[in-house]
Amino acid sequence: MVIGFGGYPSIPTLSAAWVLRCPRLLHEQNGVLGRVNQIFAKRVDAVACGLWPTALPEGVNGHHTGNPVRAAVRARAKAPYIVPGDYPLSVLVIGGSQGARILSDVVPPALADLPWNVVQNLRVSHQARIEDQPRVSQFYAENGITAEVETFFEDIATRMSEAQLVISRAGASSVADIAVIGRPSILVPLAIALRDEQSSNASVLVQAGAAILCKEADFEVGPLNAILTDFFDKPEVALKMAQSAGKSGIENATDQLAALMHKVIEAAKS
């Protein structure tokens, strides 16, 4: 069997599999098919979808398997959620290398402008680009916010499971991790994405009542501060968001993808 996960390396491999009539399967992690997966969607035996719904070409039926997540994430699936209150509040801020700068520009001052009783309880884990790390660390320190600012967190699953709120880009893997662990989130889709796939990814959790969407064009200190103030003032809403996120997560996506593979192989034998 040949499986394509998108990207240009899939082109020669899937082309050869099509010519040889090998069993073929695609997996699309985003809510919109990538260019290569669009090309081959009608030339494979099945299309596995990480998010649902996924926009598919006419006549192509998708199978919602979910996006596989790491063992560390599965180990914390639907971890108990502690609602915001008058005690330490953990906030996790994550963004890929292309999209991390705006998070570093906007999130720290938006958190610093919260009421002091909230600010003094904040414990922030902030992923930043290496060139932004010093200034972000300094800003948090100068504003009395306890924060760890790193370019990469090895224990991201643990930090996410301990968080009251996740502020993140809406990459498919991040959305999958947030859903499986079950955490409220503020999602900021990457505006320069070619197919605006991150907006489609975010909509899955937003429509489930698990996340708040903030478009990049509107992602400014004032509006974000208003969202954060409202969030920390309403613990009952935060709890419902966490529960909705957990219901959206597919922790056994690896098993579901494997089952679809076996189904395609068996169909090819018959």
C-alpha atoms as a PDB file:
ATOM      1  CA  MET A   1       0.000   0.000   0.000  1.00  0.00           C
ATOM      2  CA  VAL A   2       1.098   3.569  -0.685  1.00  0.00           C
ATOM      3  CA  ILE A   3      -0.098   6.419   1.506  1.00  0.00           C
ATOM      4  CA  GLY A   4       0.313  10.092   0.680  1.00  0.00           C
ATOM      5  CA  PHE A   5       0.304  12.749   3.370  1.00  0.00           C
ATOM      6  CA  GLY A   6       0.585  15.680   0.977  1.00  0.00           C
ATOM      7  CA  GLY A   7       3.584  17.690  -0.116  1.00  0.00           C
ATOM      8  CA  TYR A   8       5.647  17.387  -3.265  1.00  0.00           C
ATOM      9  CA  PRO A   9       7.450  14.154  -2.237  1.00  0.00           C
ATOM     10  CA  SER A  10       4.082  12.394  -2.613  1.00  0.00           C
ATOM     11  CA  ILE A  11       3.853  13.168  -6.335  1.00  0.00           C
ATOM     12  CA  PRO A  12       6.296  10.585  -7.801  1.00  0.00           C
ATOM     13  CA  THR A  13       5.378   7.944  -5.236  1.00  0.00           C
ATOM     14  CA  LEU A  14       1.614   8.168  -5.729  1.00  0.00           C
ATOM     15  CA  SER A  15       2.091   8.454  -9.498  1.00  0.00           C
ATOM     16  CA  ALA A  16       4.034   5.189  -9.512  1.00  0.00           C
ATOM     17  CA  ALA A  17       1.430   3.543  -7.264  1.00  0.00           C
ATOM     18  CA  TRP A  18      -1.349   4.649  -9.634  1.00  0.00           C
ATOM     19  CA  VAL A  19       0.478   3.247 -12.671  1.00  0.00           C
ATOM     20  CA  LEU A  20       1.162  -0.040 -10.840  1.00  0.00           C
ATOM     21  CA  ARG A  21      -2.381  -0.144  -9.427  1.00  0.00           C
ATOM     22  CA  CYS A  22      -1.161  -0.516  -5.862  1.00  0.00           C
ATOM     23  CA  PRO A  23      -3.728   0.195  -3.118  1.00  0.00           C
ATOM     24  CA  ARG A  24      -3.569   3.951  -2.486  1.00  0.00           C
ATOM     25  CA  LEU A  25      -4.681   6.168   0.365  1.00  0.00           C
ATOM     26  CA  LEU A  26      -4.455   9.887   1.140  1.00  0.00           C
ATOM     27  CA  HIS A  27      -4.450  11.557   4.530  1.00  0.00           C
ATOM     28  CA  GLU A  28      -5.253  15.270   4.731  1.00  0.00           C
ATOM     29  CA  GLN A  29      -4.562  16.892   8.089  1.00  0.00           C
ATOM     30  CA  ASN A  30      -6.197  20.270   7.352  1.00  0.00           C
ATOM     31  CA  GLY A  31      -9.806  21.187   6.684  1.00  0.00           C
ATOM     32  CA  VAL A  32      -8.869  22.022   3.073  1.00  0.00           C
ATOM     33  CA  LEU A  33      -6.993  19.684   0.747  1.00  0.00           C
ATOM     34  CA  GLY A  34      -3.439  20.656  -0.083  1.00  0.00           C
ATOM     35  CA  ARG A  35      -2.431  21.048  -3.714  1.00  0.00           C
ATOM     36  CA  VAL A  36      -0.943  17.572  -4.090  1.00  0.00           C
ATOM     37  CA  ASN A  37      -3.847  15.879  -2.315  1.00  0.00           C
ATOM     38  CA  GLN A  38      -6.232  17.766  -4.609  1.00  0.00           C
ATOM     39  CA  ILE A  39      -4.433  16.300  -7.613  1.00  0.00           C
ATOM     40  CA  PHE A  40      -4.659  12.728  -6.351  1.00  0.00           C
ATOM     41  CA  ALA A  41      -8.001  12.776  -4.498  1.00  0.00           C
ATOM     42  CA  LYS A  42      -9.781  11.072  -7.416  1.00  0.00           C
ATOM     43  CA  ARG A  43      -6.876   8.703  -8.097  1.00  0.00           C
ATOM     44  CA  VAL A  44      -6.799   6.900  -4.747  1.00  0.00           C
ATOM     45  CA  ASP A  45      -8.967   4.284  -3.075  1.00  0.00           C
ATOM     46  CA  ALA A  46      -9.809   6.414  -0.023  1.00  0.00           C
ATOM     47  CA  VAL A  47      -9.211   9.837   1.505  1.00  0.00           C
ATOM     48  CA  ALA A  48      -8.699  10.020   5.257  1.00  0.00           C
ATOM     49  CA  CYS A  49      -9.574  13.374   6.824  1.00  0.00           C
ATOM     50  CA  GLY A  50      -7.961  14.709   9.964  1.00  0.00           C
ATOM     51  CA  LEU A  51     -10.662  17.333  10.532  1.00  0.00           C
ATOM     52  CA  TRP A  52     -14.350  17.268   9.753  1.00  0.00           C
ATOM     53  CA  PRO A  53     -15.825  18.540   7.627  1.00  0.00           C
ATOM     54  CA  THR A  54     -13.020  18.682   5.038  1.00  0.00           C
ATOM     55  CA  ALA A  55     -13.665  20.388   1.714  1.00  0.00           C
ATOM     56  CA  LEU A  56     -13.387  17.638  -0.932  1.00  0.00           C
ATOM     57  CA  PRO A  57     -13.731  17.559  -4.729  1.00  0.00           C
ATOM     58  CA  GLU A  58     -17.122  16.560  -6.074  1.00  0.00           C
ATOM     59  CA  GLY A  59     -17.563  12.817  -6.071  1.00  0.00           C
ATOM     60  CA  VAL A  60     -14.894  12.158  -3.438  1.00  0.00           C
ATOM     61  CA  ASN A  61     -16.041  10.742  -0.106  1.00  0.00           C
ATOM     62  CA  GLY A  62     -13.872  11.317   2.927  1.00  0.00           C
ATOM     63  CA  HIS A  63     -13.356   9.132   5.993  1.00  0.00           C
ATOM     64  CA  HIS A  64     -13.011  11.056   9.249  1.00  0.00           C
ATOM     65  CA  THR A  65     -10.127   9.324  10.996  1.00  0.00           C
ATOM     66  CA  GLY A  66      -8.756  12.341  12.863  1.00  0.00           C
ATOM     67  CA  ASN A  67      -5.144  13.489  13.040  1.00  0.00           C
ATOM     68  CA  PRO A  68      -2.751  11.146  14.861  1.00  0.00           C
ATOM     69  CA  VAL A  69      -1.217  12.709  17.984  1.00  0.00           C
ATOM     70  CA  ARG A  70       1.876  11.808  19.961  1.00  0.00           C
ATOM     71  CA  ALA A  71       1.824   9.332  22.840  1.00  0.00           C
ATOM     72  CA  ALA A  72       2.460  12.153  25.334  1.00  0.00           C
ATOM     73  CA  VAL A  73      -0.730  13.867  24.152  1.00  0.00           C
ATOM     74  CA  ARG A  74      -2.786  10.662  24.230  1.00  0.00           C
ATOM     75  CA  ALA A  75      -1.601  10.045  27.782  1.00  0.00           C
ATOM     76  CA  ARG A  76      -3.288  13.315  28.811  1.00  0.00           C
ATOM     77  CA  ALA A  77      -6.457  12.895  26.793  1.00  0.00           C
ATOM     78  CA  LYS A  78      -9.414  14.652  28.450  1.00  0.00           C
ATOM     79  CA  ALA A  79      -7.264  15.568  31.463  1.00  0.00           C
ATOM     80  CA  PRO A  80      -9.327  17.122  34.298  1.00  0.00           C
ATOM     81  CA  TYR A  81      -9.751  20.859  33.821  1.00  0.00           C
ATOM     82  CA  ILE A  82      -9.408  23.415  36.636  1.00  0.00           C
ATOM     83  CA  VAL A  83     -11.506  26.501  35.901  1.00  0.00           C
ATOM     84  CA  PRO A  84     -10.042  30.019  36.284  1.00  0.00           C
ATOM     85  CA  GLY A  85     -10.144  31.363  39.839  1.00  0.00           C
ATOM     86  CA  ASP A  86      -8.191  33.248  42.472  1.00  0.00           C
ATOM     87  CA  TYR A  87      -5.137  31.008  42.310  1.00  0.00           C
ATOM     88  CA  PRO A  88      -2.266  30.391  39.839  1.00  0.00           C
ATOM     89  CA  LEU A  89      -3.566  30.499  36.270  1.00  0.00           C
ATOM     90  CA  SER A  90      -1.568  28.808  33.526  1.00  0.00           C
ATOM     91  CA  VAL A  91      -1.642  30.243  30.016  1.00  0.00           C
ATOM     92  CA  LEU A  92       0.113  28.503  27.126  1.00  0.00           C
ATOM     93  CA  VAL A  93       1.067  30.573  24.065  1.00  0.00           C
ATOM     94  CA  ILE A  94       2.241  28.635  20.996  1.00  0.00           C
ATOM     95  CA  GLY A  95       2.852  29.508  17.352  1.00  0.00           C
ATOM     96  CA  GLY A  96       4.931  28.157  14.506  1.00  0.00           C
ATOM     97  CA  SER A  97       8.070  29.899  13.315  1.00  0.00           C
ATOM     98  CA  GLN A  98       6.215  31.821  10.600  1.00  0.00           C
ATOM     99  CA  GLY A  99       3.424  32.959  12.858  1.00  0.00           C
ATOM    100  CA  ALA A 100       4.971  33.395  16.287  1.00  0.00           C
ATOM    101  CA  ARG A 101       5.971  37.077  16.038  1.00  0.00           C
ATOM    102  CA  ILE A 102       2.481  38.547  16.188  1.00  0.00           C
ATOM    103  CA  LEU A 103       1.752  36.441  19.268  1.00  0.00           C
ATOM    104  CA  SER A 104       4.883  37.883  20.890  1.00  0.00           C
ATOM    105  CA  ASP A 105       3.792  41.410  19.949  1.00  0.00           C
ATOM    106  CA  VAL A 106       0.185  41.212  21.108  1.00  0.00           C
ATOM    107  CA  VAL A 107      -0.241  38.598  23.848  1.00  0.00           C
ATOM    108  CA  PRO A 108       2.155  39.960  26.530  1.00  0.00           C
ATOM    109  CA  PRO A 109       0.668  43.510  26.663  1.00  0.00           C
ATOM    110  CA  ALA A 110      -2.872  42.106  26.480  1.00  0.00           C
ATOM    111  CA  LEU A 111      -2.145  39.923  29.517  1.00  0.00           C
ATOM    112  CA  ALA A 112      -0.405  42.778  31.351  1.00  0.00           C
ATOM    113  CA  ASP A 113      -3.512  44.979  30.967  1.00  0.00           C
ATOM    114  CA  LEU A 114      -5.707  42.510  32.842  1.00  0.00           C
ATOM    115  CA  PRO A 115      -6.837  43.394  36.381  1.00  0.00           C
ATOM    116  CA  TRP A 116      -3.990  43.073  38.872  1.00  0.00           C
ATOM    117  CA  ASN A 117      -5.684  40.269  40.809  1.00  0.00           C
ATOM    118  CA  VAL A 118      -5.491  38.196  37.603  1.00  0.00           C
ATOM    119  CA  VAL A 119      -2.028  39.362  36.522  1.00  0.00           C
ATOM    120  CA  GLN A 120      -0.418  38.394  39.815  1.00  0.00           C
ATOM    121  CA  ASN A 121      -1.741  34.838  39.425  1.00  0.00           C
ATOM    122  CA  LEU A 122      -0.621  34.313  35.837  1.00  0.00           C
ATOM    123  CA  ARG A 123       1.924  31.638  34.972  1.00  0.00           C
ATOM    124  CA  VAL A 124       2.722  31.943  31.267  1.00  0.00           C
ATOM    125  CA  SER A 125       4.497  29.468  28.995  1.00  0.00           C
ATOM    126  CA  HIS A 126       5.259  31.391  25.812  1.00  0.00           C
ATOM    127  CA  GLN A 127       6.848  29.921  22.690  1.00  0.00           C
ATOM    128  CA  ALA A 128       8.712  32.669  20.811  1.00  0.00           C
ATOM    129  CA  ARG A 129      11.148  32.992  17.947  1.00  0.00           C
ATOM    130  CA  ILE A 130      14.757  33.150  19.074  1.00  0.00           C
ATOM    131  CA  GLU A 131      15.100  36.801  18.035  1.00  0.00           C
ATOM    132  CA  ASP A 132      11.998  37.744  20.063  1.00  0.00           C
ATOM    133  CA  GLN A 133      12.784  35.710  23.166  1.00  0.00           C
ATOM    134  CA  PRO A 134      14.800  38.373  25.094  1.00  0.00           C
ATOM    135  CA  ARG A 135      12.303  41.210  24.649  1.00  0.00           C
ATOM    136  CA  VAL A 136       9.308  39.017  25.472  1.00  0.00           C
ATOM    137  CA  SER A 137      10.991  37.712  28.632  1.00  0.00           C
ATOM    138  CA  GLN A 138      11.913  41.247  29.659  1.00  0.00           C
ATOM    139  CA  PHE A 139       8.380  42.535  29.097  1.00  0.00           C
ATOM    140  CA  TYR A 140       6.822  39.835  31.264  1.00  0.00           C
ATOM    141  CA  ALA A 141       9.374  40.441  34.018  1.00  0.00           C
ATOM    142  CA  GLU A 142       8.868  44.218  33.968  1.00  0.00           C
ATOM    143  CA  ASN A 143       5.121  43.775  34.268  1.00  0.00           C
ATOM    144  CA  GLY A 144       5.179  41.345  37.169  1.00  0.00           C
ATOM    145  CA  ILE A 145       4.127  38.290  35.178  1.00  0.00           C
ATOM    146  CA  THR A 146       5.747  34.956  35.906  1.00  0.00           C
ATOM    147  CA  ALA A 147       6.675  33.530  32.523  1.00  0.00           C
ATOM    148  CA  GLU A 148       8.867  30.970  30.796  1.00  0.00           C
ATOM    149  CA  VAL A 149       9.736  32.090  27.273  1.00  0.00           C
ATOM    150  CA  GLU A 150      11.377  29.445  25.107  1.00  0.00           C
ATOM    151  CA  THR A 151      11.801  28.712  21.419  1.00  0.00           C
ATOM    152  CA  PHE A 152      10.538  25.168  21.989  1.00  0.00           C
ATOM    153  CA  PHE A 153       8.942  23.267  24.860  1.00  0.00           C
ATOM    154  CA  GLU A 154       9.838  19.589  25.138  1.00  0.00           C
ATOM    155  CA  ASP A 155       6.937  19.031  27.559  1.00  0.00           C
ATOM    156  CA  ILE A 156       4.216  20.784  25.569  1.00  0.00           C
ATOM    157  CA  ALA A 157       1.606  18.104  26.351  1.00  0.00           C
ATOM    158  CA  THR A 158       2.139  18.543  30.089  1.00  0.00           C
ATOM    159  CA  ARG A 159       1.968  22.327  29.844  1.00  0.00           C
ATOM    160  CA  MET A 160      -1.196  22.141  27.780  1.00  0.00           C
ATOM    161  CA  SER A 161      -2.866  19.762  30.205  1.00  0.00           C
ATOM    162  CA  GLU A 162      -2.070  22.146  33.076  1.00  0.00           C
ATOM    163  CA  ALA A 163      -3.287  25.256  31.242  1.00  0.00           C
ATOM    164  CA  GLN A 164      -6.512  27.132  31.875  1.00  0.00           C
ATOM    165  CA  LEU A 165      -6.207  28.693  28.398  1.00  0.00           C
ATOM    166  CA  VAL A 166      -4.247  28.067  25.199  1.00  0.00           C
ATOM    167  CA  ILE A 167      -3.538  30.913  22.768  1.00  0.00           C
ATOM    168  CA  SER A 168      -2.358  29.429  19.494  1.00  0.00           C
ATOM    169  CA  ARG A 169      -2.168  29.451  15.751  1.00  0.00           C
ATOM    170  CA  ALA A 170      -4.562  26.979  14.149  1.00  0.00           C
ATOM    171  CA  GLY A 171      -2.234  24.457  12.563  1.00  0.00           C
ATOM    172  CA  ALA A 172      -3.786  21.014  12.250  1.00  0.00           C
ATOM    173  CA  SER A 173      -1.500  19.365  14.803  1.00  0.00           C
ATOM    174  CA  SER A 174      -2.056  22.138  17.364  1.00  0.00           C
ATOM    175  CA  VAL A 175      -5.833  21.913  16.933  1.00  0.00           C
ATOM    176  CA  ALA A 176      -5.644  18.122  17.334  1.00  0.00           C
ATOM    177  CA  ASP A 177      -3.572  18.382  20.533  1.00  0.00           C
ATOM    178  CA  ILE A 178      -5.892  21.023  22.026  1.00  0.00           C
ATOM    179  CA  ALA A 179      -8.952  18.903  21.244  1.00  0.00           C
ATOM    180  CA  VAL A 180      -7.567  15.599  22.525  1.00  0.00           C
ATOM    181  CA  ILE A 181      -6.390  17.115  25.817  1.00  0.00           C
ATOM    182  CA  GLY A 182      -9.526  19.250  25.993  1.00  0.00           C
ATOM    183  CA  ARG A 183      -8.598  22.872  26.629  1.00  0.00           C
ATOM    184  CA  PRO A 184     -10.287  26.222  25.895  1.00  0.00           C
ATOM    185  CA  SER A 185      -8.390  28.161  23.272  1.00  0.00           C
ATOM    186  CA  ILE A 186      -8.085  31.437  21.430  1.00  0.00           C
ATOM    187  CA  LEU A 187      -7.099  30.565  17.876  1.00  0.00           C
ATOM    188  CA  VAL A 188      -5.407  32.999  15.472  1.00  0.00           C
ATOM    189  CA  PRO A 189      -5.293  31.525  11.932  1.00  0.00           C
ATOM    190  CA  LEU A 190      -2.206  32.324   9.895  1.00  0.00           C
ATOM    191  CA  ALA A 191      -3.316  34.916   7.338  1.00  0.00           C
ATOM    192  CA  ILE A 192      -0.651  34.091   4.742  1.00  0.00           C
ATOM    193  CA  ALA A 193      -1.657  30.427   4.457  1.00  0.00           C
ATOM    194  CA  LEU A 194      -2.257  29.738   0.763  1.00  0.00           C
ATOM    195  CA  ARG A 195      -5.680  28.126   1.112  1.00  0.00           C
ATOM    196  CA  ASP A 196      -6.615  29.749   4.427  1.00  0.00           C
ATOM    197  CA  GLU A 197      -6.587  26.221   5.814  1.00  0.00           C
ATOM    198  CA  GLN A 198      -6.000  27.407   9.368  1.00  0.00           C
ATOM    199  CA  SER A 199      -9.362  29.206   9.378  1.00  0.00           C
ATOM    200  CA  SER A 200     -10.988  25.916   8.368  1.00  0.00           C
ATOM    201  CA  ASN A 201      -9.061  24.128  11.102  1.00  0.00           C
ATOM    202  CA  ALA A 202     -10.101  26.660  13.739  1.00  0.00           C
ATOM    203  CA  SER A 203     -13.752  26.533  12.706  1.00  0.00           C
ATOM    204  CA  VAL A 204     -14.003  22.927  13.898  1.00  0.00           C
ATOM    205  CA  LEU A 205     -13.400  23.965  17.515  1.00  0.00           C
ATOM    206  CA  VAL A 206     -15.165  27.317  17.211  1.00  0.00           C
ATOM    207  CA  GLN A 207     -18.379  25.704  15.950  1.00  0.00           C
ATOM    208  CA  ALA A 208     -18.154  23.148  18.754  1.00  0.00           C
ATOM    209  CA  GLY A 209     -18.089  25.986  21.297  1.00  0.00           C
ATOM    210  CA  ALA A 210     -14.555  25.063  22.344  1.00  0.00           C
ATOM    211  CA  ALA A 211     -12.560  27.984  20.978  1.00  0.00           C
ATOM    212  CA  ILE A 212     -12.669  31.694  20.248  1.00  0.00           C
ATOM    213  CA  LEU A 213     -11.608  32.745  16.756  1.00  0.00           C
ATOM    214  CA  CYS A 214      -9.540  35.903  16.406  1.00  0.00           C
ATOM    215  CA  LYS A 215      -8.631  36.820  12.835  1.00  0.00           C
ATOM    216  CA  GLU A 216      -5.092  38.059  12.377  1.00  0.00           C
ATOM    217  CA  ALA A 217      -6.346  41.406  11.039  1.00  0.00           C
ATOM    218  CA  ASP A 218      -8.247  41.935  14.312  1.00  0.00           C
ATOM    219  CA  PHE A 219      -5.559  40.510  16.591  1.00  0.00           C
ATOM    220  CA  GLU A 220      -4.611  43.613  18.557  1.00  0.00           C
ATOM    221  CA  VAL A 221      -3.933  44.333  22.217  1.00  0.00           C
ATOM    222  CA  GLY A 222      -7.264  45.988  23.029  1.00  0.00           C
ATOM    223  CA  PRO A 223      -9.590  43.394  21.485  1.00  0.00           C
ATOM    224  CA  LEU A 224      -7.539  40.504  22.881  1.00  0.00           C
ATOM    225  CA  ASN A 225      -7.547  42.059  26.347  1.00  0.00           C
ATOM    226  CA  ALA A 226     -11.353  42.289  26.173  1.00  0.00           C
ATOM    227  CA  ILE A 227     -11.579  38.602  25.211  1.00  0.00           C
ATOM    228  CA  LEU A 228      -9.206  37.597  28.020  1.00  0.00           C
ATOM    229  CA  THR A 229     -11.035  39.701  30.616  1.00  0.00           C
ATOM    230  CA  ASP A 230     -14.341  38.103  29.677  1.00  0.00           C
ATOM    231  CA  PHE A 231     -12.800  34.624  29.698  1.00  0.00           C
ATOM    232  CA  PHE A 232     -11.283  34.878  33.169  1.00  0.00           C
ATOM    233  CA  ASP A 233     -14.511  36.407  34.531  1.00  0.00           C
ATOM    234  CA  LYS A 234     -16.610  33.428  33.426  1.00  0.00           C
ATOM    235  CA  PRO A 235     -15.245  30.141  34.774  1.00  0.00           C
ATOM    236  CA  GLU A 236     -18.448  28.327  33.865  1.00  0.00           C
ATOM    237  CA  VAL A 237     -17.940  29.253  30.208  1.00  0.00           C
ATOM    238  CA  ALA A 238     -14.306  28.130  30.364  1.00  0.00           C
ATOM    239  CA  LEU A 239     -15.408  24.745  31.714  1.00  0.00           C
ATOM    240  CA  LYS A 240     -17.953  24.270  28.914  1.00  0.00           C
ATOM    241  CA  MET A 241     -15.291  25.167  26.349  1.00  0.00           C
ATOM    242  CA  ALA A 242     -12.903  22.592  27.821  1.00  0.00           C
ATOM    243  CA  GLN A 243     -15.603  19.918  27.787  1.00  0.00           C
ATOM    244  CA  SER A 244     -16.558  20.747  24.197  1.00  0.00           C
ATOM    245  CA  ALA A 245     -12.922  20.581  23.111  1.00  0.00           C
ATOM    246  CA  GLY A 246     -12.532  17.154  24.685  1.00  0.00           C
ATOM    247  CA  LYS A 247     -15.634  15.877  22.870  1.00  0.00           C
ATOM    248  CA  SER A 248     -14.120  17.056  19.571  1.00  0.00           C
ATOM    249  CA  GLY A 249     -10.811  15.247  20.066  1.00  0.00           C
ATOM    250  CA  ILE A 250     -10.059  11.877  18.456  1.00  0.00           C
ATOM    251  CA  GLU A 251      -7.420  10.246  20.605  1.00  0.00           C
ATOM    252  CA  ASN A 252      -7.433   6.972  18.671  1.00  0.00           C
ATOM    253  CA  ALA A 253      -6.873   8.588  15.262  1.00  0.00           C
ATOM    254  CA  THR A 254      -3.851   6.342  14.639  1.00  0.00           C
ATOM    255  CA  ASP A 255      -5.995   3.239  15.113  1.00  0.00           C
ATOM    256  CA  GLN A 256      -8.746   4.614  12.878  1.00  0.00           C
ATOM    257  CA  LEU A 257      -6.249   5.413  10.125  1.00  0.00           C
ATOM    258  CA  ALA A 258      -4.752   1.927  10.410  1.00  0.00           C
ATOM    259  CA  ALA A 259      -8.230   0.379  10.209  1.00  0.00           C
ATOM    260  CA  LEU A 260      -8.964   2.311   7.024  1.00  0.00           C
ATOM    261  CA  MET A 261      -5.653   1.126   5.564  1.00  0.00           C
ATOM    262  CA  HIS A 262      -6.573  -2.500   6.215  1.00  0.00           C
ATOM    263  CA  LYS A 263     -10.026  -1.951   4.710  1.00  0.00           C
ATOM    264  CA  VAL A 264      -8.509  -0.579   1.501  1.00  0.00           C
ATOM    265  CA  ILE A 265      -6.008  -3.452   1.299  1.00  0.00           C
ATOM    266  CA  GLU A 266      -8.736  -6.086   1.796  1.00  0.00           C
ATOM    267  CA  ALA A 267     -10.910  -4.421  -0.858  1.00  0.00           C
ATOM    268  CA  ALA A 268      -7.995  -4.540  -3.280  1.00  0.00           C
ATOM    269  CA  LYS A 269      -7.637  -8.299  -2.762  1.00  0.00           C
ATOM    270  CA  SER A 270     -11.263  -9.035  -3.571  1.00  0.00           C
END
